[in-house]
Amino acid sequence: MGKLDFEGLADPSGLSDLYISCQLWTDGKEYTMPFRTPWKEFNKSYTWNHVITLPISYNSLLLSSQLTFTIWNVRGPGRPVAVGGSTMSLFTSKR
């Protein structure tokens, strides 16, 4: 994974404290509720080691299913700010 080129909103003297949300989408609509990792304090580098389990079985997924990830910085109590994200298709269009 590449370096996150972002200086912290909450602590300009060091690394920001971040969390990640992910959600399953299909046909442009929310397919599951968003899942959020616990808030994490970073001291030296941005490294997560967290397993994400979504509340859906593999055989329930549609071919158009996509997984979105958003990286959030906590600017203050109740004030998260999105600082990055990505969307990943789970299946190719080939059958």
PDB file of N, CA and C in Angstrom:
ATOM      1  N   MET A   1       0.856  -1.179   0.000  1.00  0.00           N
ATOM      2  CA  MET A   1       0.000   0.000   0.000  1.00  0.00           C
ATOM      3  C   MET A   1       0.894   1.233   0.000  1.00  0.00           C
ATOM      4  N   GLY A   2       0.519   2.223  -0.754  1.00  0.00           N
ATOM      5  CA  GLY A   2       1.297   3.451  -0.852  1.00  0.00           C
ATOM      6  C   GLY A   2       1.150   4.333   0.375  1.00  0.00           C
ATOM      7  N   LYS A   3       1.978   5.316   0.456  1.00  0.00           N
ATOM      8  CA  LYS A   3       1.959   6.264   1.565  1.00  0.00           C
ATOM      9  C   LYS A   3       0.745   7.184   1.447  1.00  0.00           C
ATOM     10  N   LEU A   4       0.118   7.455   2.568  1.00  0.00           N
ATOM     11  CA  LEU A   4      -0.998   8.394   2.593  1.00  0.00           C
ATOM     12  C   LEU A   4      -0.421   9.798   2.717  1.00  0.00           C
ATOM     13  N   ASP A   5      -0.490  10.556   1.641  1.00  0.00           N
ATOM     14  CA  ASP A   5       0.075  11.905   1.634  1.00  0.00           C
ATOM     15  C   ASP A   5      -0.908  12.878   2.252  1.00  0.00           C
ATOM     16  N   PHE A   6      -0.927  12.907   3.561  1.00  0.00           N
ATOM     17  CA  PHE A   6      -1.875  13.761   4.258  1.00  0.00           C
ATOM     18  C   PHE A   6      -1.302  14.107   5.622  1.00  0.00           C
ATOM     19  N   GLU A   7      -1.252  15.355   5.927  1.00  0.00           N
ATOM     20  CA  GLU A   7      -0.834  15.802   7.248  1.00  0.00           C
ATOM     21  C   GLU A   7      -2.073  15.951   8.110  1.00  0.00           C
ATOM     22  N   GLY A   8      -1.990  15.560   9.350  1.00  0.00           N
ATOM     23  CA  GLY A   8      -3.142  15.452  10.228  1.00  0.00           C
ATOM     24  C   GLY A   8      -3.907  16.737  10.483  1.00  0.00           C
ATOM     25  N   LEU A   9      -5.215  16.612  10.465  1.00  0.00           N
ATOM     26  CA  LEU A   9      -6.069  17.728  10.844  1.00  0.00           C
ATOM     27  C   LEU A   9      -6.082  17.896  12.359  1.00  0.00           C
ATOM     28  N   ALA A  10      -6.092  16.759  13.067  1.00  0.00           N
ATOM     29  CA  ALA A  10      -6.222  16.802  14.518  1.00  0.00           C
ATOM     30  C   ALA A  10      -4.907  17.115  15.210  1.00  0.00           C
ATOM     31  N   ASP A  11      -3.788  16.684  14.642  1.00  0.00           N
ATOM     32  CA  ASP A  11      -2.493  16.886  15.285  1.00  0.00           C
ATOM     33  C   ASP A  11      -1.445  17.223  14.235  1.00  0.00           C
ATOM     34  N   PRO A  12      -1.234  18.516  13.964  1.00  0.00           N
ATOM     35  CA  PRO A  12      -0.292  18.901  12.912  1.00  0.00           C
ATOM     36  C   PRO A  12       1.151  18.514  13.214  1.00  0.00           C
ATOM     37  N   SER A  13       1.460  18.128  14.461  1.00  0.00           N
ATOM     38  CA  SER A  13       2.830  17.767  14.799  1.00  0.00           C
ATOM     39  C   SER A  13       3.133  16.296  14.551  1.00  0.00           C
ATOM     40  N   GLY A  14       2.148  15.488  14.163  1.00  0.00           N
ATOM     41  CA  GLY A  14       2.393  14.056  13.959  1.00  0.00           C
ATOM     42  C   GLY A  14       1.376  13.446  13.026  1.00  0.00           C
ATOM     43  N   LEU A  15       1.217  12.126  13.137  1.00  0.00           N
ATOM     44  CA  LEU A  15       0.278  11.401  12.291  1.00  0.00           C
ATOM     45  C   LEU A  15      -1.146  11.580  12.783  1.00  0.00           C
ATOM     46  N   SER A  16      -2.075  11.634  11.858  1.00  0.00           N
ATOM     47  CA  SER A  16      -3.490  11.763  12.207  1.00  0.00           C
ATOM     48  C   SER A  16      -4.016  10.454  12.762  1.00  0.00           C
ATOM     49  N   ASP A  17      -5.037  10.535  13.574  1.00  0.00           N
ATOM     50  CA  ASP A  17      -5.734   9.366  14.079  1.00  0.00           C
ATOM     51  C   ASP A  17      -6.906   9.101  13.144  1.00  0.00           C
ATOM     52  N   LEU A  18      -6.933   7.910  12.565  1.00  0.00           N
ATOM     53  CA  LEU A  18      -7.860   7.615  11.484  1.00  0.00           C
ATOM     54  C   LEU A  18      -8.709   6.386  11.789  1.00  0.00           C
ATOM     55  N   TYR A  19      -9.788   6.243  11.019  1.00  0.00           N
ATOM     56  CA  TYR A  19     -10.524   4.989  10.956  1.00  0.00           C
ATOM     57  C   TYR A  19     -11.014   4.805   9.527  1.00  0.00           C
ATOM     58  N   ILE A  20     -11.430   3.576   9.201  1.00  0.00           N
ATOM     59  CA  ILE A  20     -11.890   3.253   7.847  1.00  0.00           C
ATOM     60  C   ILE A  20     -13.329   2.760   7.915  1.00  0.00           C
ATOM     61  N   SER A  21     -14.136   3.201   6.962  1.00  0.00           N
ATOM     62  CA  SER A  21     -15.473   2.635   6.810  1.00  0.00           C
ATOM     63  C   SER A  21     -15.516   1.899   5.478  1.00  0.00           C
ATOM     64  N   CYS A  22     -16.278   0.818   5.432  1.00  0.00           N
ATOM     65  CA  CYS A  22     -16.465   0.113   4.166  1.00  0.00           C
ATOM     66  C   CYS A  22     -17.935  -0.275   4.049  1.00  0.00           C
ATOM     67  N   GLN A  23     -18.372  -0.394   2.807  1.00  0.00           N
ATOM     68  CA  GLN A  23     -19.771  -0.689   2.551  1.00  0.00           C
ATOM     69  C   GLN A  23     -19.899  -1.405   1.224  1.00  0.00           C
ATOM     70  N   LEU A  24     -20.824  -2.346   1.168  1.00  0.00           N
ATOM     71  CA  LEU A  24     -21.104  -3.080  -0.053  1.00  0.00           C
ATOM     72  C   LEU A  24     -22.225  -2.381  -0.809  1.00  0.00           C
ATOM     73  N   TRP A  25     -22.010  -2.169  -2.117  1.00  0.00           N
ATOM     74  CA  TRP A  25     -22.989  -1.525  -2.999  1.00  0.00           C
ATOM     75  C   TRP A  25     -23.280  -2.466  -4.157  1.00  0.00           C
ATOM     76  N   THR A  26     -24.470  -2.385  -4.712  1.00  0.00           N
ATOM     77  CA  THR A  26     -24.803  -3.121  -5.927  1.00  0.00           C
ATOM     78  C   THR A  26     -25.771  -2.295  -6.759  1.00  0.00           C
ATOM     79  N   ASP A  27     -25.536  -2.242  -8.038  1.00  0.00           N
ATOM     80  CA  ASP A  27     -26.349  -1.446  -8.967  1.00  0.00           C
ATOM     81  C   ASP A  27     -26.497   0.000  -8.501  1.00  0.00           C
ATOM     82  N   GLY A  28     -25.432   0.559  -7.925  1.00  0.00           N
ATOM     83  CA  GLY A  28     -25.446   1.947  -7.486  1.00  0.00           C
ATOM     84  C   GLY A  28     -26.248   2.213  -6.223  1.00  0.00           C
ATOM     85  N   LYS A  29     -26.656   1.153  -5.507  1.00  0.00           N
ATOM     86  CA  LYS A  29     -27.449   1.311  -4.281  1.00  0.00           C
ATOM     87  C   LYS A  29     -26.756   0.608  -3.120  1.00  0.00           C
ATOM     88  N   GLU A  30     -26.957   1.147  -1.925  1.00  0.00           N
ATOM     89  CA  GLU A  30     -26.396   0.520  -0.736  1.00  0.00           C
ATOM     90  C   GLU A  30     -26.971  -0.885  -0.576  1.00  0.00           C
ATOM     91  N   TYR A  31     -26.087  -1.869  -0.382  1.00  0.00           N
ATOM     92  CA  TYR A  31     -26.515  -3.254  -0.245  1.00  0.00           C
ATOM     93  C   TYR A  31     -26.389  -3.732   1.200  1.00  0.00           C
ATOM     94  N   THR A  32     -25.485  -3.120   1.956  1.00  0.00           N
ATOM     95  CA  THR A  32     -25.340  -3.397   3.382  1.00  0.00           C
ATOM     96  C   THR A  32     -25.178  -2.073   4.127  1.00  0.00           C
ATOM     97  N   MET A  33     -25.313  -2.146   5.414  1.00  0.00           N
ATOM     98  CA  MET A  33     -25.022  -0.988   6.263  1.00  0.00           C
ATOM     99  C   MET A  33     -23.508  -0.778   6.259  1.00  0.00           C
ATOM    100  N   PRO A  34     -23.034   0.449   6.455  1.00  0.00           N
ATOM    101  CA  PRO A  34     -21.590   0.673   6.509  1.00  0.00           C
ATOM    102  C   PRO A  34     -20.979  -0.020   7.730  1.00  0.00           C
ATOM    103  N   PHE A  35     -19.769  -0.524   7.548  1.00  0.00           N
ATOM    104  CA  PHE A  35     -18.991  -1.110   8.640  1.00  0.00           C
ATOM    105  C   PHE A  35     -17.854  -0.154   8.936  1.00  0.00           C
ATOM    106  N   ARG A  36     -17.539   0.023  10.193  1.00  0.00           N
ATOM    107  CA  ARG A  36     -16.490   0.962  10.576  1.00  0.00           C
ATOM    108  C   ARG A  36     -15.469   0.271  11.460  1.00  0.00           C
ATOM    109  N   THR A  37     -14.193   0.456  11.131  1.00  0.00           N
ATOM    110  CA  THR A  37     -13.143  -0.080  11.996  1.00  0.00           C
ATOM    111  C   THR A  37     -13.084   0.764  13.262  1.00  0.00           C
ATOM    112  N   PRO A  38     -12.507   0.228  14.318  1.00  0.00           N
ATOM    113  CA  PRO A  38     -12.305   1.072  15.502  1.00  0.00           C
ATOM    114  C   PRO A  38     -11.342   2.214  15.182  1.00  0.00           C
ATOM    115  N   TRP A  39     -11.493   3.307  15.897  1.00  0.00           N
ATOM    116  CA  TRP A  39     -10.552   4.420  15.789  1.00  0.00           C
ATOM    117  C   TRP A  39      -9.175   3.911  16.159  1.00  0.00           C
ATOM    118  N   LYS A  40      -8.138   4.387  15.501  1.00  0.00           N
ATOM    119  CA  LYS A  40      -6.785   3.916  15.776  1.00  0.00           C
ATOM    120  C   LYS A  40      -5.827   5.090  15.872  1.00  0.00           C
ATOM    121  N   GLU A  41      -5.010   5.055  16.895  1.00  0.00           N
ATOM    122  CA  GLU A  41      -3.962   6.064  17.070  1.00  0.00           C
ATOM    123  C   GLU A  41      -2.705   5.564  16.365  1.00  0.00           C
ATOM    124  N   PHE A  42      -2.088   6.417  15.570  1.00  0.00           N
ATOM    125  CA  PHE A  42      -0.878   6.053  14.847  1.00  0.00           C
ATOM    126  C   PHE A  42       0.297   6.833  15.407  1.00  0.00           C
ATOM    127  N   ASN A  43       1.401   6.125  15.644  1.00  0.00           N
ATOM    128  CA  ASN A  43       2.582   6.758  16.214  1.00  0.00           C
ATOM    129  C   ASN A  43       3.690   6.973  15.196  1.00  0.00           C
ATOM    130  N   LYS A  44       3.994   5.934  14.389  1.00  0.00           N
ATOM    131  CA  LYS A  44       5.133   6.022  13.469  1.00  0.00           C
ATOM    132  C   LYS A  44       4.753   5.863  12.005  1.00  0.00           C
ATOM    133  N   SER A  45       3.692   5.108  11.709  1.00  0.00           N
ATOM    134  CA  SER A  45       3.284   4.901  10.320  1.00  0.00           C
ATOM    135  C   SER A  45       1.815   4.506  10.286  1.00  0.00           C
ATOM    136  N   TYR A  46       1.219   4.610   9.092  1.00  0.00           N
ATOM    137  CA  TYR A  46      -0.169   4.209   8.906  1.00  0.00           C
ATOM    138  C   TYR A  46      -0.201   2.723   8.572  1.00  0.00           C
ATOM    139  N   THR A  47      -0.486   1.879   9.546  1.00  0.00           N
ATOM    140  CA  THR A  47      -0.546   0.432   9.344  1.00  0.00           C
ATOM    141  C   THR A  47      -1.765  -0.110  10.067  1.00  0.00           C
ATOM    142  N   TRP A  48      -2.654  -0.765   9.303  1.00  0.00           N
ATOM    143  CA  TRP A  48      -3.817  -1.428   9.892  1.00  0.00           C
ATOM    144  C   TRP A  48      -3.579  -2.920   9.830  1.00  0.00           C
ATOM    145  N   ASN A  49      -4.075  -3.637  10.811  1.00  0.00           N
ATOM    146  CA  ASN A  49      -4.095  -5.087  10.777  1.00  0.00           C
ATOM    147  C   ASN A  49      -5.445  -5.490  11.364  1.00  0.00           C
ATOM    148  N   HIS A  50      -6.486  -5.252  10.588  1.00  0.00           N
ATOM    149  CA  HIS A  50      -7.848  -5.440  11.079  1.00  0.00           C
ATOM    150  C   HIS A  50      -8.660  -6.220  10.049  1.00  0.00           C
ATOM    151  N   VAL A  51      -9.290  -7.300  10.489  1.00  0.00           N
ATOM    152  CA  VAL A  51     -10.123  -8.108   9.606  1.00  0.00           C
ATOM    153  C   VAL A  51     -11.523  -7.502   9.556  1.00  0.00           C
ATOM    154  N   ILE A  52     -12.067  -7.396   8.349  1.00  0.00           N
ATOM    155  CA  ILE A  52     -13.417  -6.870   8.154  1.00  0.00           C
ATOM    156  C   ILE A  52     -14.305  -8.018   7.693  1.00  0.00           C
ATOM    157  N   THR A  53     -15.375  -8.269   8.436  1.00  0.00           N
ATOM    158  CA  THR A  53     -16.334  -9.301   8.070  1.00  0.00           C
ATOM    159  C   THR A  53     -17.670  -8.633   7.798  1.00  0.00           C
ATOM    160  N   LEU A  54     -18.157  -8.788   6.578  1.00  0.00           N
ATOM    161  CA  LEU A  54     -19.427  -8.177   6.205  1.00  0.00           C
ATOM    162  C   LEU A  54     -20.581  -9.138   6.500  1.00  0.00           C
ATOM    163  N   PRO A  55     -21.754  -8.604   6.832  1.00  0.00           N
ATOM    164  CA  PRO A  55     -22.894  -9.436   7.227  1.00  0.00           C
ATOM    165  C   PRO A  55     -23.674 -10.002   6.034  1.00  0.00           C
ATOM    166  N   ILE A  56     -22.964 -10.677   5.127  1.00  0.00           N
ATOM    167  CA  ILE A  56     -23.618 -11.221   3.937  1.00  0.00           C
ATOM    168  C   ILE A  56     -22.796 -12.421   3.468  1.00  0.00           C
ATOM    169  N   SER A  57     -23.474 -13.403   2.915  1.00  0.00           N
ATOM    170  CA  SER A  57     -22.759 -14.575   2.416  1.00  0.00           C
ATOM    171  C   SER A  57     -22.333 -14.347   0.958  1.00  0.00           C
ATOM    172  N   TYR A  58     -21.273 -15.020   0.576  1.00  0.00           N
ATOM    173  CA  TYR A  58     -20.709 -14.867  -0.758  1.00  0.00           C
ATOM    174  C   TYR A  58     -21.735 -15.183  -1.842  1.00  0.00           C
ATOM    175  N   ASN A  59     -22.533 -16.226  -1.644  1.00  0.00           N
ATOM    176  CA  ASN A  59     -23.499 -16.606  -2.679  1.00  0.00           C
ATOM    177  C   ASN A  59     -24.676 -15.634  -2.780  1.00  0.00           C
ATOM    178  N   SER A  60     -24.788 -14.669  -1.875  1.00  0.00           N
ATOM    179  CA  SER A  60     -25.835 -13.643  -1.948  1.00  0.00           C
ATOM    180  C   SER A  60     -25.402 -12.415  -2.744  1.00  0.00           C
ATOM    181  N   LEU A  61     -24.124 -12.361  -3.107  1.00  0.00           N
ATOM    182  CA  LEU A  61     -23.614 -11.196  -3.833  1.00  0.00           C
ATOM    183  C   LEU A  61     -24.056 -11.226  -5.290  1.00  0.00           C
ATOM    184  N   LEU A  62     -24.327 -10.065  -5.838  1.00  0.00           N
ATOM    185  CA  LEU A  62     -24.675  -9.930  -7.248  1.00  0.00           C
ATOM    186  C   LEU A  62     -23.414  -9.623  -8.055  1.00  0.00           C
ATOM    187  N   LEU A  63     -23.451  -9.863  -9.360  1.00  0.00           N
ATOM    188  CA  LEU A  63     -22.288  -9.606 -10.208  1.00  0.00           C
ATOM    189  C   LEU A  63     -21.872  -8.139 -10.215  1.00  0.00           C
ATOM    190  N   SER A  64     -22.809  -7.237  -9.940  1.00  0.00           N
ATOM    191  CA  SER A  64     -22.493  -5.802  -9.942  1.00  0.00           C
ATOM    192  C   SER A  64     -22.015  -5.300  -8.576  1.00  0.00           C
ATOM    193  N   SER A  65     -21.744  -6.212  -7.642  1.00  0.00           N
ATOM    194  CA  SER A  65     -21.341  -5.813  -6.282  1.00  0.00           C
ATOM    195  C   SER A  65     -19.999  -5.098  -6.273  1.00  0.00           C
ATOM    196  N   GLN A  66     -19.935  -4.014  -5.482  1.00  0.00           N
ATOM    197  CA  GLN A  66     -18.706  -3.246  -5.292  1.00  0.00           C
ATOM    198  C   GLN A  66     -18.517  -2.991  -3.806  1.00  0.00           C
ATOM    199  N   LEU A  67     -17.267  -2.909  -3.389  1.00  0.00           N
ATOM    200  CA  LEU A  67     -16.940  -2.603  -2.006  1.00  0.00           C
ATOM    201  C   LEU A  67     -16.271  -1.239  -1.968  1.00  0.00           C
ATOM    202  N   THR A  68     -16.789  -0.341  -1.151  1.00  0.00           N
ATOM    203  CA  THR A  68     -16.193   0.994  -1.025  1.00  0.00           C
ATOM    204  C   THR A  68     -15.450   1.104   0.301  1.00  0.00           C
ATOM    205  N   PHE A  69     -14.330   1.779   0.271  1.00  0.00           N
ATOM    206  CA  PHE A  69     -13.534   2.062   1.464  1.00  0.00           C
ATOM    207  C   PHE A  69     -13.348   3.572   1.557  1.00  0.00           C
ATOM    208  N   THR A  70     -13.558   4.126   2.730  1.00  0.00           N
ATOM    209  CA  THR A  70     -13.319   5.552   2.964  1.00  0.00           C
ATOM    210  C   THR A  70     -12.438   5.690   4.194  1.00  0.00           C
ATOM    211  N   ILE A  71     -11.394   6.497   4.081  1.00  0.00           N
ATOM    212  CA  ILE A  71     -10.493   6.780   5.205  1.00  0.00           C
ATOM    213  C   ILE A  71     -10.944   8.082   5.837  1.00  0.00           C
ATOM    214  N   TRP A  72     -11.163   8.049   7.137  1.00  0.00           N
ATOM    215  CA  TRP A  72     -11.674   9.211   7.874  1.00  0.00           C
ATOM    216  C   TRP A  72     -10.660   9.703   8.891  1.00  0.00           C
ATOM    217  N   ASN A  73     -10.520  11.011   8.969  1.00  0.00           N
ATOM    218  CA  ASN A  73      -9.735  11.661  10.015  1.00  0.00           C
ATOM    219  C   ASN A  73     -10.729  12.272  10.993  1.00  0.00           C
ATOM    220  N   VAL A  74     -10.373  12.259  12.259  1.00  0.00           N
ATOM    221  CA  VAL A  74     -11.250  12.834  13.272  1.00  0.00           C
ATOM    222  C   VAL A  74     -10.747  14.231  13.595  1.00  0.00           C
ATOM    223  N   ARG A  75     -11.500  15.221  13.146  1.00  0.00           N
ATOM    224  CA  ARG A  75     -11.103  16.612  13.350  1.00  0.00           C
ATOM    225  C   ARG A  75     -11.443  17.078  14.765  1.00  0.00           C
ATOM    226  N   GLY A  76     -12.373  16.442  15.391  1.00  0.00           N
ATOM    227  CA  GLY A  76     -12.802  16.758  16.752  1.00  0.00           C
ATOM    228  C   GLY A  76     -13.988  15.873  17.077  1.00  0.00           C
ATOM    229  N   PRO A  77     -14.534  15.967  18.278  1.00  0.00           N
ATOM    230  CA  PRO A  77     -15.666  15.132  18.652  1.00  0.00           C
ATOM    231  C   PRO A  77     -16.822  15.258  17.652  1.00  0.00           C
ATOM    232  N   GLY A  78     -17.199  14.129  17.038  1.00  0.00           N
ATOM    233  CA  GLY A  78     -18.308  14.131  16.096  1.00  0.00           C
ATOM    234  C   GLY A  78     -18.047  14.837  14.791  1.00  0.00           C
ATOM    235  N   ARG A  79     -16.762  15.078  14.458  1.00  0.00           N
ATOM    236  CA  ARG A  79     -16.441  15.822  13.237  1.00  0.00           C
ATOM    237  C   ARG A  79     -15.473  15.048  12.337  1.00  0.00           C
ATOM    238  N   PRO A  80     -15.893  13.885  11.807  1.00  0.00           N
ATOM    239  CA  PRO A  80     -14.997  13.172  10.901  1.00  0.00           C
ATOM    240  C   PRO A  80     -14.911  13.866   9.543  1.00  0.00           C
ATOM    241  N   VAL A  81     -13.747  13.760   8.920  1.00  0.00           N
ATOM    242  CA  VAL A  81     -13.515  14.348   7.605  1.00  0.00           C
ATOM    243  C   VAL A  81     -12.936  13.258   6.702  1.00  0.00           C
ATOM    244  N   ALA A  82     -13.565  13.016   5.551  1.00  0.00           N
ATOM    245  CA  ALA A  82     -13.038  12.023   4.611  1.00  0.00           C
ATOM    246  C   ALA A  82     -11.735  12.533   4.003  1.00  0.00           C
ATOM    247  N   VAL A  83     -10.686  11.701   4.039  1.00  0.00           N
ATOM    248  CA  VAL A  83      -9.395  12.108   3.490  1.00  0.00           C
ATOM    249  C   VAL A  83      -8.932  11.196   2.350  1.00  0.00           C
ATOM    250  N   GLY A  84      -9.692  10.144   2.068  1.00  0.00           N
ATOM    251  CA  GLY A  84      -9.328   9.258   0.971  1.00  0.00           C
ATOM    252  C   GLY A  84     -10.336   8.134   0.843  1.00  0.00           C
ATOM    253  N   GLY A  85     -10.238   7.413  -0.241  1.00  0.00           N
ATOM    254  CA  GLY A  85     -11.141   6.293  -0.421  1.00  0.00           C
ATOM    255  C   GLY A  85     -10.925   5.603  -1.744  1.00  0.00           C
ATOM    256  N   SER A  86     -11.611   4.466  -1.897  1.00  0.00           N
ATOM    257  CA  SER A  86     -11.507   3.702  -3.118  1.00  0.00           C
ATOM    258  C   SER A  86     -12.725   2.799  -3.254  1.00  0.00           C
ATOM    259  N   THR A  87     -13.029   2.421  -4.488  1.00  0.00           N
ATOM    260  CA  THR A  87     -14.109   1.479  -4.773  1.00  0.00           C
ATOM    261  C   THR A  87     -13.524   0.311  -5.545  1.00  0.00           C
ATOM    262  N   MET A  88     -13.932  -0.903  -5.168  1.00  0.00           N
ATOM    263  CA  MET A  88     -13.402  -2.108  -5.789  1.00  0.00           C
ATOM    264  C   MET A  88     -14.550  -3.001  -6.248  1.00  0.00           C
ATOM    265  N   SER A  89     -14.578  -3.343  -7.530  1.00  0.00           N
ATOM    266  CA  SER A  89     -15.550  -4.311  -8.036  1.00  0.00           C
ATOM    267  C   SER A  89     -15.146  -5.692  -7.550  1.00  0.00           C
ATOM    268  N   LEU A  90     -16.123  -6.483  -7.128  1.00  0.00           N
ATOM    269  CA  LEU A  90     -15.817  -7.807  -6.609  1.00  0.00           C
ATOM    270  C   LEU A  90     -15.757  -8.869  -7.699  1.00  0.00           C
ATOM    271  N   PHE A  91     -16.389  -8.605  -8.834  1.00  0.00           N
ATOM    272  CA  PHE A  91     -16.419  -9.576  -9.929  1.00  0.00           C
ATOM    273  C   PHE A  91     -16.099  -8.869 -11.240  1.00  0.00           C
ATOM    274  N   THR A  92     -15.552  -9.623 -12.191  1.00  0.00           N
ATOM    275  CA  THR A  92     -15.326  -9.075 -13.517  1.00  0.00           C
ATOM    276  C   THR A  92     -16.608  -9.203 -14.328  1.00  0.00           C
ATOM    277  N   SER A  93     -16.651  -8.560 -15.458  1.00  0.00           N
ATOM    278  CA  SER A  93     -17.851  -8.626 -16.293  1.00  0.00           C
ATOM    279  C   SER A  93     -17.904  -9.925 -17.093  1.00  0.00           C
ATOM    280  N   LYS A  94     -16.794 -10.680 -17.124  1.00  0.00           N
ATOM    281  CA  LYS A  94     -16.767 -11.963 -17.828  1.00  0.00           C
ATOM    282  C   LYS A  94     -17.426 -13.027 -16.969  1.00  0.00           C
ATOM    283  N   ARG A  95     -18.157 -13.902 -17.601  1.00  0.00           N
ATOM    284  CA  ARG A  95     -18.817 -14.985 -16.836  1.00  0.00           C
ATOM    285  C   ARG A  95     -18.126 -16.284 -17.047  1.00  0.00           C
TER     286      ARG A  95
END
